[in-house]
PDB file of all heavy atoms in Angstrom:
ATOM      1  N   LYS A   1       0.810  -1.224   0.000  1.00  0.00           N
ATOM      2  CA  LYS A   1       0.000   0.000   0.000  1.00  0.00           C
ATOM      3  C   LYS A   1       0.843   1.274   0.000  1.00  0.00           C
ATOM      4  O   LYS A   1       0.570   2.221   0.748  1.00  0.00           O
ATOM      5  CB  LYS A   1      -0.975  -0.003   1.178  1.00  0.00           C
ATOM      6  CG  LYS A   1      -1.974  -1.153   1.140  1.00  0.00           C
ATOM      7  CD  LYS A   1      -2.997  -1.062   2.246  1.00  0.00           C
ATOM      8  CE  LYS A   1      -4.004  -2.213   2.141  1.00  0.00           C
ATOM      9  NZ  LYS A   1      -5.025  -2.164   3.212  1.00  0.00           N
ATOM     10  N   PHE A   2       1.872   1.277  -0.847  1.00  0.00           N
ATOM     11  CA  PHE A   2       2.659   2.499  -1.001  1.00  0.00           C
ATOM     12  C   PHE A   2       1.791   3.576  -1.653  1.00  0.00           C
ATOM     13  O   PHE A   2       1.030   3.283  -2.578  1.00  0.00           O
ATOM     14  CB  PHE A   2       3.887   2.240  -1.872  1.00  0.00           C
ATOM     15  CG  PHE A   2       4.852   1.251  -1.277  1.00  0.00           C
ATOM     16  CD1 PHE A   2       5.112   0.044  -1.912  1.00  0.00           C
ATOM     17  CD2 PHE A   2       5.504   1.523  -0.090  1.00  0.00           C
ATOM     18  CE1 PHE A   2       5.998  -0.873  -1.375  1.00  0.00           C
ATOM     19  CE2 PHE A   2       6.394   0.606   0.466  1.00  0.00           C
ATOM     20  CZ  PHE A   2       6.645  -0.583  -0.181  1.00  0.00           C
ATOM     21  N   PRO A   3       1.917   4.834  -1.213  1.00  0.00           N
ATOM     22  CA  PRO A   3       1.071   5.891  -1.780  1.00  0.00           C
ATOM     23  C   PRO A   3       1.462   6.282  -3.201  1.00  0.00           C
ATOM     24  O   PRO A   3       0.661   6.849  -3.942  1.00  0.00           O
ATOM     25  CB  PRO A   3       1.282   7.060  -0.806  1.00  0.00           C
ATOM     26  CG  PRO A   3       2.647   6.819  -0.236  1.00  0.00           C
ATOM     27  CD  PRO A   3       2.785   5.324  -0.137  1.00  0.00           C
ATOM     28  N   ARG A   4       2.687   5.990  -3.587  1.00  0.00           N
ATOM     29  CA  ARG A   4       3.161   6.298  -4.936  1.00  0.00           C
ATOM     30  C   ARG A   4       4.373   5.426  -5.232  1.00  0.00           C
ATOM     31  O   ARG A   4       4.924   4.796  -4.340  1.00  0.00           O
ATOM     32  CB  ARG A   4       3.514   7.788  -5.077  1.00  0.00           C
ATOM     33  CG  ARG A   4       4.372   8.318  -3.953  1.00  0.00           C
ATOM     34  CD  ARG A   4       4.354   9.843  -3.913  1.00  0.00           C
ATOM     35  NE  ARG A   4       4.966  10.362  -2.691  1.00  0.00           N
ATOM     36  CZ  ARG A   4       4.322  10.518  -1.551  1.00  0.00           C
ATOM     37  NH1 ARG A   4       3.044  10.174  -1.467  1.00  0.00           N
ATOM     38  NH2 ARG A   4       4.928  11.012  -0.492  1.00  0.00           N
ATOM     39  N   THR A   5       4.767   5.416  -6.489  1.00  0.00           N
ATOM     40  CA  THR A   5       5.887   4.576  -6.917  1.00  0.00           C
ATOM     41  C   THR A   5       7.203   5.323  -6.750  1.00  0.00           C
ATOM     42  O   THR A   5       7.368   6.421  -7.281  1.00  0.00           O
ATOM     43  CB  THR A   5       5.714   4.159  -8.381  1.00  0.00           C
ATOM     44  OG1 THR A   5       4.484   3.441  -8.529  1.00  0.00           O
ATOM     45  CG2 THR A   5       6.873   3.282  -8.835  1.00  0.00           C
ATOM     46  N   LYS A   6       8.110   4.739  -6.005  1.00  0.00           N
ATOM     47  CA  LYS A   6       9.457   5.283  -5.838  1.00  0.00           C
ATOM     48  C   LYS A   6      10.434   4.115  -5.882  1.00  0.00           C
ATOM     49  O   LYS A   6      10.211   3.092  -5.241  1.00  0.00           O
ATOM     50  CB  LYS A   6       9.606   6.015  -4.502  1.00  0.00           C
ATOM     51  CG  LYS A   6       8.693   7.230  -4.325  1.00  0.00           C
ATOM     52  CD  LYS A   6       9.087   8.369  -5.241  1.00  0.00           C
ATOM     53  CE  LYS A   6       8.218   9.592  -5.001  1.00  0.00           C
ATOM     54  NZ  LYS A   6       8.581  10.706  -5.926  1.00  0.00           N
ATOM     55  N   ARG A   7      11.517   4.298  -6.639  1.00  0.00           N
ATOM     56  CA  ARG A   7      12.482   3.207  -6.777  1.00  0.00           C
ATOM     57  C   ARG A   7      13.890   3.704  -6.452  1.00  0.00           C
ATOM     58  O   ARG A   7      14.203   4.892  -6.604  1.00  0.00           O
ATOM     59  CB  ARG A   7      12.441   2.628  -8.187  1.00  0.00           C
ATOM     60  CG  ARG A   7      11.042   2.259  -8.665  1.00  0.00           C
ATOM     61  CD  ARG A   7      11.090   1.428  -9.931  1.00  0.00           C
ATOM     62  NE  ARG A   7      11.591   0.101  -9.652  1.00  0.00           N
ATOM     63  CZ  ARG A   7      10.842  -0.908  -9.203  1.00  0.00           C
ATOM     64  NH1 ARG A   7       9.552  -0.736  -8.989  1.00  0.00           N
ATOM     65  NH2 ARG A   7      11.368  -2.088  -8.972  1.00  0.00           N
ATOM     66  N   LEU A   8      14.731   2.789  -6.015  1.00  0.00           N
ATOM     67  CA  LEU A   8      16.089   3.157  -5.628  1.00  0.00           C
ATOM     68  C   LEU A   8      16.887   3.711  -6.802  1.00  0.00           C
ATOM     69  O   LEU A   8      17.711   4.610  -6.621  1.00  0.00           O
ATOM     70  CB  LEU A   8      16.812   1.938  -5.042  1.00  0.00           C
ATOM     71  CG  LEU A   8      16.376   1.520  -3.635  1.00  0.00           C
ATOM     72  CD1 LEU A   8      17.065   0.226  -3.237  1.00  0.00           C
ATOM     73  CD2 LEU A   8      16.664   2.616  -2.623  1.00  0.00           C
ATOM     74  N   GLU A   9      16.657   3.167  -7.992  1.00  0.00           N
ATOM     75  CA  GLU A   9      17.424   3.632  -9.142  1.00  0.00           C
ATOM     76  C   GLU A   9      17.092   5.072  -9.519  1.00  0.00           C
ATOM     77  O   GLU A   9      17.845   5.718 -10.250  1.00  0.00           O
ATOM     78  CB  GLU A   9      17.223   2.717 -10.352  1.00  0.00           C
ATOM     79  CG  GLU A   9      15.776   2.455 -10.704  1.00  0.00           C
ATOM     80  CD  GLU A   9      15.269   1.169 -10.091  1.00  0.00           C
ATOM     81  OE1 GLU A   9      15.691   0.825  -8.965  1.00  0.00           O
ATOM     82  OE2 GLU A   9      14.448   0.500 -10.747  1.00  0.00           O
ATOM     83  N   ASP A  10      15.976   5.588  -9.020  1.00  0.00           N
ATOM     84  CA  ASP A  10      15.596   6.977  -9.306  1.00  0.00           C
ATOM     85  C   ASP A  10      16.028   7.936  -8.199  1.00  0.00           C
ATOM     86  O   ASP A  10      15.739   9.126  -8.258  1.00  0.00           O
ATOM     87  CB  ASP A  10      14.069   7.081  -9.473  1.00  0.00           C
ATOM     88  CG  ASP A  10      13.557   6.204 -10.596  1.00  0.00           C
ATOM     89  OD1 ASP A  10      14.279   6.075 -11.602  1.00  0.00           O
ATOM     90  OD2 ASP A  10      12.456   5.641 -10.464  1.00  0.00           O
ATOM     91  N   PHE A  11      16.716   7.412  -7.187  1.00  0.00           N
ATOM     92  CA  PHE A  11      17.102   8.229  -6.038  1.00  0.00           C
ATOM     93  C   PHE A  11      18.551   8.680  -6.170  1.00  0.00           C
ATOM     94  O   PHE A  11      19.445   7.855  -6.380  1.00  0.00           O
ATOM     95  CB  PHE A  11      16.922   7.424  -4.744  1.00  0.00           C
ATOM     96  CG  PHE A  11      17.162   8.223  -3.496  1.00  0.00           C
ATOM     97  CD1 PHE A  11      16.213   9.116  -3.044  1.00  0.00           C
ATOM     98  CD2 PHE A  11      18.346   8.091  -2.785  1.00  0.00           C
ATOM     99  CE1 PHE A  11      16.426   9.860  -1.891  1.00  0.00           C
ATOM    100  CE2 PHE A  11      18.571   8.821  -1.633  1.00  0.00           C
ATOM    101  CZ  PHE A  11      17.598   9.712  -1.191  1.00  0.00           C
ATOM    102  N   ASP A  12      18.795   9.970  -6.051  1.00  0.00           N
ATOM    103  CA  ASP A  12      20.145  10.518  -6.164  1.00  0.00           C
ATOM    104  C   ASP A  12      20.797  10.503  -4.780  1.00  0.00           C
ATOM    105  O   ASP A  12      20.737  11.479  -4.035  1.00  0.00           O
ATOM    106  CB  ASP A  12      20.089  11.939  -6.725  1.00  0.00           C
ATOM    107  CG  ASP A  12      21.476  12.524  -6.973  1.00  0.00           C
ATOM    108  OD1 ASP A  12      22.467  11.766  -6.843  1.00  0.00           O
ATOM    109  OD2 ASP A  12      21.575  13.723  -7.287  1.00  0.00           O
ATOM    110  N   HIS A  13      21.396   9.379  -4.446  1.00  0.00           N
ATOM    111  CA  HIS A  13      21.971   9.229  -3.109  1.00  0.00           C
ATOM    112  C   HIS A  13      23.183  10.121  -2.889  1.00  0.00           C
ATOM    113  O   HIS A  13      23.593  10.372  -1.752  1.00  0.00           O
ATOM    114  CB  HIS A  13      22.361   7.771  -2.865  1.00  0.00           C
ATOM    115  CG  HIS A  13      23.444   7.279  -3.781  1.00  0.00           C
ATOM    116  ND1 HIS A  13      24.779   7.448  -3.517  1.00  0.00           N
ATOM    117  CD2 HIS A  13      23.367   6.636  -4.976  1.00  0.00           C
ATOM    118  CE1 HIS A  13      25.489   6.930  -4.497  1.00  0.00           C
ATOM    119  NE2 HIS A  13      24.665   6.418  -5.390  1.00  0.00           N
ATOM    120  N   ALA A  14      23.775  10.635  -3.978  1.00  0.00           N
ATOM    121  CA  ALA A  14      24.964  11.476  -3.842  1.00  0.00           C
ATOM    122  C   ALA A  14      24.666  12.781  -3.108  1.00  0.00           C
ATOM    123  O   ALA A  14      25.579  13.426  -2.587  1.00  0.00           O
ATOM    124  CB  ALA A  14      25.546  11.780  -5.226  1.00  0.00           C
ATOM    125  N   THR A  15      23.406  13.156  -3.046  1.00  0.00           N
ATOM    126  CA  THR A  15      23.038  14.402  -2.370  1.00  0.00           C
ATOM    127  C   THR A  15      22.991  14.246  -0.855  1.00  0.00           C
ATOM    128  O   THR A  15      22.851  15.234  -0.137  1.00  0.00           O
ATOM    129  CB  THR A  15      21.663  14.891  -2.859  1.00  0.00           C
ATOM    130  OG1 THR A  15      20.676  13.882  -2.561  1.00  0.00           O
ATOM    131  CG2 THR A  15      21.678  15.138  -4.357  1.00  0.00           C
ATOM    132  N   ILE A  16      23.089  13.018  -0.357  1.00  0.00           N
ATOM    133  CA  ILE A  16      23.042  12.765   1.082  1.00  0.00           C
ATOM    134  C   ILE A  16      24.415  12.258   1.528  1.00  0.00           C
ATOM    135  O   ILE A  16      24.808  11.130   1.225  1.00  0.00           O
ATOM    136  CB  ILE A  16      21.952  11.740   1.436  1.00  0.00           C
ATOM    137  CG1 ILE A  16      20.576  12.255   0.984  1.00  0.00           C
ATOM    138  CG2 ILE A  16      21.942  11.447   2.931  1.00  0.00           C
ATOM    139  CD1 ILE A  16      19.443  11.283   1.236  1.00  0.00           C
ATOM    140  N   ALA A  17      25.125  13.103   2.262  1.00  0.00           N
ATOM    141  CA  ALA A  17      26.485  12.759   2.678  1.00  0.00           C
ATOM    142  C   ALA A  17      26.503  11.561   3.615  1.00  0.00           C
ATOM    143  O   ALA A  17      27.488  10.819   3.676  1.00  0.00           O
ATOM    144  CB  ALA A  17      27.136  13.968   3.352  1.00  0.00           C
ATOM    145  N   ASP A  18      25.402  11.365   4.338  1.00  0.00           N
ATOM    146  CA  ASP A  18      25.325  10.285   5.323  1.00  0.00           C
ATOM    147  C   ASP A  18      24.911   8.953   4.705  1.00  0.00           C
ATOM    148  O   ASP A  18      24.628   8.003   5.433  1.00  0.00           O
ATOM    149  CB  ASP A  18      24.325  10.685   6.424  1.00  0.00           C
ATOM    150  CG  ASP A  18      24.555   9.919   7.716  1.00  0.00           C
ATOM    151  OD1 ASP A  18      25.705   9.517   7.958  1.00  0.00           O
ATOM    152  OD2 ASP A  18      23.598   9.725   8.486  1.00  0.00           O
ATOM    153  N   LEU A  19      24.864   8.896   3.365  1.00  0.00           N
ATOM    154  CA  LEU A  19      24.427   7.676   2.686  1.00  0.00           C
ATOM    155  C   LEU A  19      25.416   7.298   1.588  1.00  0.00           C
ATOM    156  O   LEU A  19      25.150   7.488   0.399  1.00  0.00           O
ATOM    157  CB  LEU A  19      23.019   7.875   2.101  1.00  0.00           C
ATOM    158  CG  LEU A  19      22.347   6.644   1.478  1.00  0.00           C
ATOM    159  CD1 LEU A  19      22.170   5.543   2.508  1.00  0.00           C
ATOM    160  CD2 LEU A  19      20.998   7.037   0.879  1.00  0.00           C
ATOM    161  N   PRO A  20      26.572   6.741   1.963  1.00  0.00           N
ATOM    162  CA  PRO A  20      27.541   6.309   0.947  1.00  0.00           C
ATOM    163  C   PRO A  20      26.988   5.151   0.131  1.00  0.00           C
ATOM    164  O   PRO A  20      26.092   4.426   0.586  1.00  0.00           O
ATOM    165  CB  PRO A  20      28.759   5.882   1.777  1.00  0.00           C
ATOM    166  CG  PRO A  20      28.225   5.588   3.136  1.00  0.00           C
ATOM    167  CD  PRO A  20      27.054   6.496   3.329  1.00  0.00           C
ATOM    168  N   PRO A  21      27.487   4.969  -1.089  1.00  0.00           N
ATOM    169  CA  PRO A  21      26.983   3.896  -1.965  1.00  0.00           C
ATOM    170  C   PRO A  21      27.001   2.518  -1.319  1.00  0.00           C
ATOM    171  O   PRO A  21      26.081   1.726  -1.517  1.00  0.00           O
ATOM    172  CB  PRO A  21      27.930   3.956  -3.174  1.00  0.00           C
ATOM    173  CG  PRO A  21      28.418   5.369  -3.197  1.00  0.00           C
ATOM    174  CD  PRO A  21      28.515   5.795  -1.769  1.00  0.00           C
ATOM    175  N   ALA A  22      28.026   2.222  -0.522  1.00  0.00           N
ATOM    176  CA  ALA A  22      28.111   0.895   0.109  1.00  0.00           C
ATOM    177  C   ALA A  22      26.968   0.686   1.100  1.00  0.00           C
ATOM    178  O   ALA A  22      26.409  -0.414   1.191  1.00  0.00           O
ATOM    179  CB  ALA A  22      29.457   0.740   0.821  1.00  0.00           C
ATOM    180  N   THR A  23      26.601   1.745   1.822  1.00  0.00           N
ATOM    181  CA  THR A  23      25.498   1.644   2.779  1.00  0.00           C
ATOM    182  C   THR A  23      24.179   1.419   2.055  1.00  0.00           C
ATOM    183  O   THR A  23      23.374   0.570   2.451  1.00  0.00           O
ATOM    184  CB  THR A  23      25.411   2.921   3.634  1.00  0.00           C
ATOM    185  OG1 THR A  23      26.621   3.076   4.375  1.00  0.00           O
ATOM    186  CG2 THR A  23      24.233   2.850   4.600  1.00  0.00           C
ATOM    187  N   LEU A  24      23.955   2.187   0.975  1.00  0.00           N
ATOM    188  CA  LEU A  24      22.723   2.020   0.210  1.00  0.00           C
ATOM    189  C   LEU A  24      22.656   0.633  -0.413  1.00  0.00           C
ATOM    190  O   LEU A  24      21.582   0.004  -0.427  1.00  0.00           O
ATOM    191  CB  LEU A  24      22.633   3.095  -0.875  1.00  0.00           C
ATOM    192  CG  LEU A  24      21.354   3.092  -1.710  1.00  0.00           C
ATOM    193  CD1 LEU A  24      20.131   3.302  -0.827  1.00  0.00           C
ATOM    194  CD2 LEU A  24      21.413   4.160  -2.802  1.00  0.00           C
ATOM    195  N   ALA A  25      23.771   0.136  -0.922  1.00  0.00           N
ATOM    196  CA  ALA A  25      23.799  -1.197  -1.521  1.00  0.00           C
ATOM    197  C   ALA A  25      23.464  -2.259  -0.481  1.00  0.00           C
ATOM    198  O   ALA A  25      22.727  -3.216  -0.768  1.00  0.00           O
ATOM    199  CB  ALA A  25      25.168  -1.464  -2.138  1.00  0.00           C
ATOM    200  N   HIS A  26      23.970  -2.088   0.728  1.00  0.00           N
ATOM    201  CA  HIS A  26      23.661  -3.042   1.794  1.00  0.00           C
ATOM    202  C   HIS A  26      22.183  -2.997   2.150  1.00  0.00           C
ATOM    203  O   HIS A  26      21.534  -4.042   2.304  1.00  0.00           O
ATOM    204  CB  HIS A  26      24.501  -2.736   3.034  1.00  0.00           C
ATOM    205  CG  HIS A  26      24.101  -3.529   4.241  1.00  0.00           C
ATOM    206  ND1 HIS A  26      24.300  -4.890   4.350  1.00  0.00           N
ATOM    207  CD2 HIS A  26      23.456  -3.152   5.386  1.00  0.00           C
ATOM    208  CE1 HIS A  26      23.823  -5.319   5.509  1.00  0.00           C
ATOM    209  NE2 HIS A  26      23.300  -4.289   6.156  1.00  0.00           N
ATOM    210  N   LEU A  27      21.637  -1.792   2.280  1.00  0.00           N
ATOM    211  CA  LEU A  27      20.218  -1.661   2.610  1.00  0.00           C
ATOM    212  C   LEU A  27      19.349  -2.275   1.516  1.00  0.00           C
ATOM    213  O   LEU A  27      18.297  -2.852   1.792  1.00  0.00           O
ATOM    214  CB  LEU A  27      19.853  -0.194   2.821  1.00  0.00           C
ATOM    215  CG  LEU A  27      20.478   0.494   4.044  1.00  0.00           C
ATOM    216  CD1 LEU A  27      20.141   1.980   4.040  1.00  0.00           C
ATOM    217  CD2 LEU A  27      20.002  -0.162   5.334  1.00  0.00           C
ATOM    218  N   ALA A  28      19.776  -2.138   0.275  1.00  0.00           N
ATOM    219  CA  ALA A  28      18.998  -2.659  -0.853  1.00  0.00           C
ATOM    220  C   ALA A  28      18.897  -4.177  -0.828  1.00  0.00           C
ATOM    221  O   ALA A  28      17.923  -4.740  -1.332  1.00  0.00           O
ATOM    222  CB  ALA A  28      19.607  -2.194  -2.173  1.00  0.00           C
ATOM    223  N   THR A  29      19.866  -4.853  -0.223  1.00  0.00           N
ATOM    224  CA  THR A  29      19.817  -6.317  -0.170  1.00  0.00           C
ATOM    225  C   THR A  29      18.728  -6.823   0.771  1.00  0.00           C
ATOM    226  O   THR A  29      18.262  -7.950   0.637  1.00  0.00           O
ATOM    227  CB  THR A  29      21.158  -6.901   0.303  1.00  0.00           C
ATOM    228  OG1 THR A  29      21.395  -6.523   1.675  1.00  0.00           O
ATOM    229  CG2 THR A  29      22.310  -6.413  -0.565  1.00  0.00           C
ATOM    230  N   GLY A  30      18.357  -5.995   1.756  1.00  0.00           N
ATOM    231  CA  GLY A  30      17.338  -6.406   2.722  1.00  0.00           C
ATOM    232  C   GLY A  30      17.872  -7.290   3.832  1.00  0.00           C
ATOM    233  O   GLY A  30      17.086  -7.805   4.637  1.00  0.00           O
ATOM    234  N   ALA A  31      19.194  -7.451   3.921  1.00  0.00           N
ATOM    235  CA  ALA A  31      19.761  -8.300   4.973  1.00  0.00           C
ATOM    236  C   ALA A  31      19.418  -7.756   6.360  1.00  0.00           C
ATOM    237  O   ALA A  31      19.235  -8.521   7.311  1.00  0.00           O
ATOM    238  CB  ALA A  31      21.285  -8.400   4.804  1.00  0.00           C
ATOM    239  N   TRP A  32      19.333  -6.440   6.481  1.00  0.00           N
ATOM    240  CA  TRP A  32      18.984  -5.822   7.770  1.00  0.00           C
ATOM    241  C   TRP A  32      17.561  -6.189   8.196  1.00  0.00           C
ATOM    242  O   TRP A  32      17.264  -6.291   9.395  1.00  0.00           O
ATOM    243  CB  TRP A  32      19.136  -4.307   7.675  1.00  0.00           C
ATOM    244  CG  TRP A  32      18.305  -3.674   6.591  1.00  0.00           C
ATOM    245  CD1 TRP A  32      18.571  -3.692   5.250  1.00  0.00           C
ATOM    246  CD2 TRP A  32      17.081  -2.958   6.746  1.00  0.00           C
ATOM    247  NE1 TRP A  32      17.578  -3.020   4.561  1.00  0.00           N
ATOM    248  CE2 TRP A  32      16.665  -2.562   5.450  1.00  0.00           C
ATOM    249  CE3 TRP A  32      16.310  -2.614   7.846  1.00  0.00           C
ATOM    250  CZ2 TRP A  32      15.495  -1.833   5.236  1.00  0.00           C
ATOM    251  CZ3 TRP A  32      15.148  -1.888   7.635  1.00  0.00           C
ATOM    252  CH2 TRP A  32      14.754  -1.504   6.342  1.00  0.00           C
ATOM    253  N   ILE A  33      16.690  -6.428   7.215  1.00  0.00           N
ATOM    254  CA  ILE A  33      15.316  -6.838   7.523  1.00  0.00           C
ATOM    255  C   ILE A  33      15.322  -8.258   8.075  1.00  0.00           C
ATOM    256  O   ILE A  33      14.643  -8.570   9.061  1.00  0.00           O
ATOM    257  CB  ILE A  33      14.432  -6.739   6.265  1.00  0.00           C
ATOM    258  CG1 ILE A  33      14.463  -5.322   5.705  1.00  0.00           C
ATOM    259  CG2 ILE A  33      12.998  -7.177   6.577  1.00  0.00           C
ATOM    260  CD1 ILE A  33      13.777  -5.170   4.366  1.00  0.00           C
ATOM    261  N   ASP A  34      16.085  -9.129   7.437  1.00  0.00           N
ATOM    262  CA  ASP A  34      16.184 -10.520   7.911  1.00  0.00           C
ATOM    263  C   ASP A  34      16.748 -10.575   9.327  1.00  0.00           C
ATOM    264  O   ASP A  34      16.408 -11.480  10.099  1.00  0.00           O
ATOM    265  CB  ASP A  34      17.062 -11.334   6.961  1.00  0.00           C
ATOM    266  CG  ASP A  34      16.491 -11.395   5.555  1.00  0.00           C
ATOM    267  OD1 ASP A  34      15.257 -11.254   5.408  1.00  0.00           O
ATOM    268  OD2 ASP A  34      17.275 -11.556   4.598  1.00  0.00           O
ATOM    269  N   ALA A  35      17.601  -9.603   9.671  1.00  0.00           N
ATOM    270  CA  ALA A  35      18.203  -9.568  11.000  1.00  0.00           C
ATOM    271  C   ALA A  35      17.319  -8.835  12.014  1.00  0.00           C
ATOM    272  O   ALA A  35      17.671  -8.775  13.197  1.00  0.00           O
ATOM    273  CB  ALA A  35      19.572  -8.892  10.934  1.00  0.00           C
ATOM    274  N   GLY A  36      16.182  -8.296  11.564  1.00  0.00           N
ATOM    275  CA  GLY A  36      15.278  -7.592  12.465  1.00  0.00           C
ATOM    276  C   GLY A  36      15.804  -6.251  12.933  1.00  0.00           C
ATOM    277  O   GLY A  36      15.438  -5.768  14.010  1.00  0.00           O
ATOM    278  N   GLU A  37      16.659  -5.608  12.122  1.00  0.00           N
ATOM    279  CA  GLU A  37      17.264  -4.335  12.521  1.00  0.00           C
ATOM    280  C   GLU A  37      16.402  -3.152  12.073  1.00  0.00           C
ATOM    281  O   GLU A  37      15.847  -3.170  10.975  1.00  0.00           O
ATOM    282  CB  GLU A  37      18.661  -4.211  11.913  1.00  0.00           C
ATOM    283  CG  GLU A  37      19.623  -5.284  12.392  1.00  0.00           C
ATOM    284  CD  GLU A  37      20.904  -5.338  11.592  1.00  0.00           C
ATOM    285  OE1 GLU A  37      20.987  -4.664  10.540  1.00  0.00           O
ATOM    286  OE2 GLU A  37      21.831  -6.065  12.011  1.00  0.00           O
ATOM    287  N   PRO A  38      16.312  -2.107  12.899  1.00  0.00           N
ATOM    288  CA  PRO A  38      15.530  -0.927  12.506  1.00  0.00           C
ATOM    289  C   PRO A  38      16.311  -0.032  11.536  1.00  0.00           C
ATOM    290  O   PRO A  38      17.538  -0.116  11.429  1.00  0.00           O
ATOM    291  CB  PRO A  38      15.289  -0.188  13.839  1.00  0.00           C
ATOM    292  CG  PRO A  38      15.743  -1.131  14.916  1.00  0.00           C
ATOM    293  CD  PRO A  38      16.768  -2.020  14.290  1.00  0.00           C
ATOM    294  N   LEU A  39      15.565   0.836  10.869  1.00  0.00           N
ATOM    295  CA  LEU A  39      16.139   1.873  10.018  1.00  0.00           C
ATOM    296  C   LEU A  39      15.439   3.174  10.356  1.00  0.00           C
ATOM    297  O   LEU A  39      14.206   3.232  10.387  1.00  0.00           O
ATOM    298  CB  LEU A  39      15.939   1.536   8.532  1.00  0.00           C
ATOM    299  CG  LEU A  39      16.246   2.656   7.527  1.00  0.00           C
ATOM    300  CD1 LEU A  39      17.737   2.977   7.524  1.00  0.00           C
ATOM    301  CD2 LEU A  39      15.783   2.263   6.122  1.00  0.00           C
ATOM    302  N   VAL A  40      16.222   4.219  10.639  1.00  0.00           N
ATOM    303  CA  VAL A  40      15.647   5.519  10.980  1.00  0.00           C
ATOM    304  C   VAL A  40      16.191   6.557  10.009  1.00  0.00           C
ATOM    305  O   VAL A  40      17.409   6.714   9.863  1.00  0.00           O
ATOM    306  CB  VAL A  40      15.978   5.932  12.424  1.00  0.00           C
ATOM    307  CG1 VAL A  40      15.322   7.274  12.754  1.00  0.00           C
ATOM    308  CG2 VAL A  40      15.522   4.858  13.411  1.00  0.00           C
ATOM    309  N   LEU A  41      15.289   7.268   9.341  1.00  0.00           N
ATOM    310  CA  LEU A  41      15.642   8.337   8.414  1.00  0.00           C
ATOM    311  C   LEU A  41      15.241   9.657   9.052  1.00  0.00           C
ATOM    312  O   LEU A  41      14.058   9.885   9.319  1.00  0.00           O
ATOM    313  CB  LEU A  41      14.930   8.146   7.075  1.00  0.00           C
ATOM    314  CG  LEU A  41      15.141   6.789   6.390  1.00  0.00           C
ATOM    315  CD1 LEU A  41      14.210   6.651   5.193  1.00  0.00           C
ATOM    316  CD2 LEU A  41      16.589   6.626   5.959  1.00  0.00           C
TER     317      LEU A  41
END
């Protein structure tokens, strides 16, 4: 039930200094979800 379509490939992560490519790539795998870890933006 997402209110609109948003995809990672359309997100310019370079504008966020706190989000290096390696961190975004890790989050994209969903391993943190399998581990039950929270994410706070």
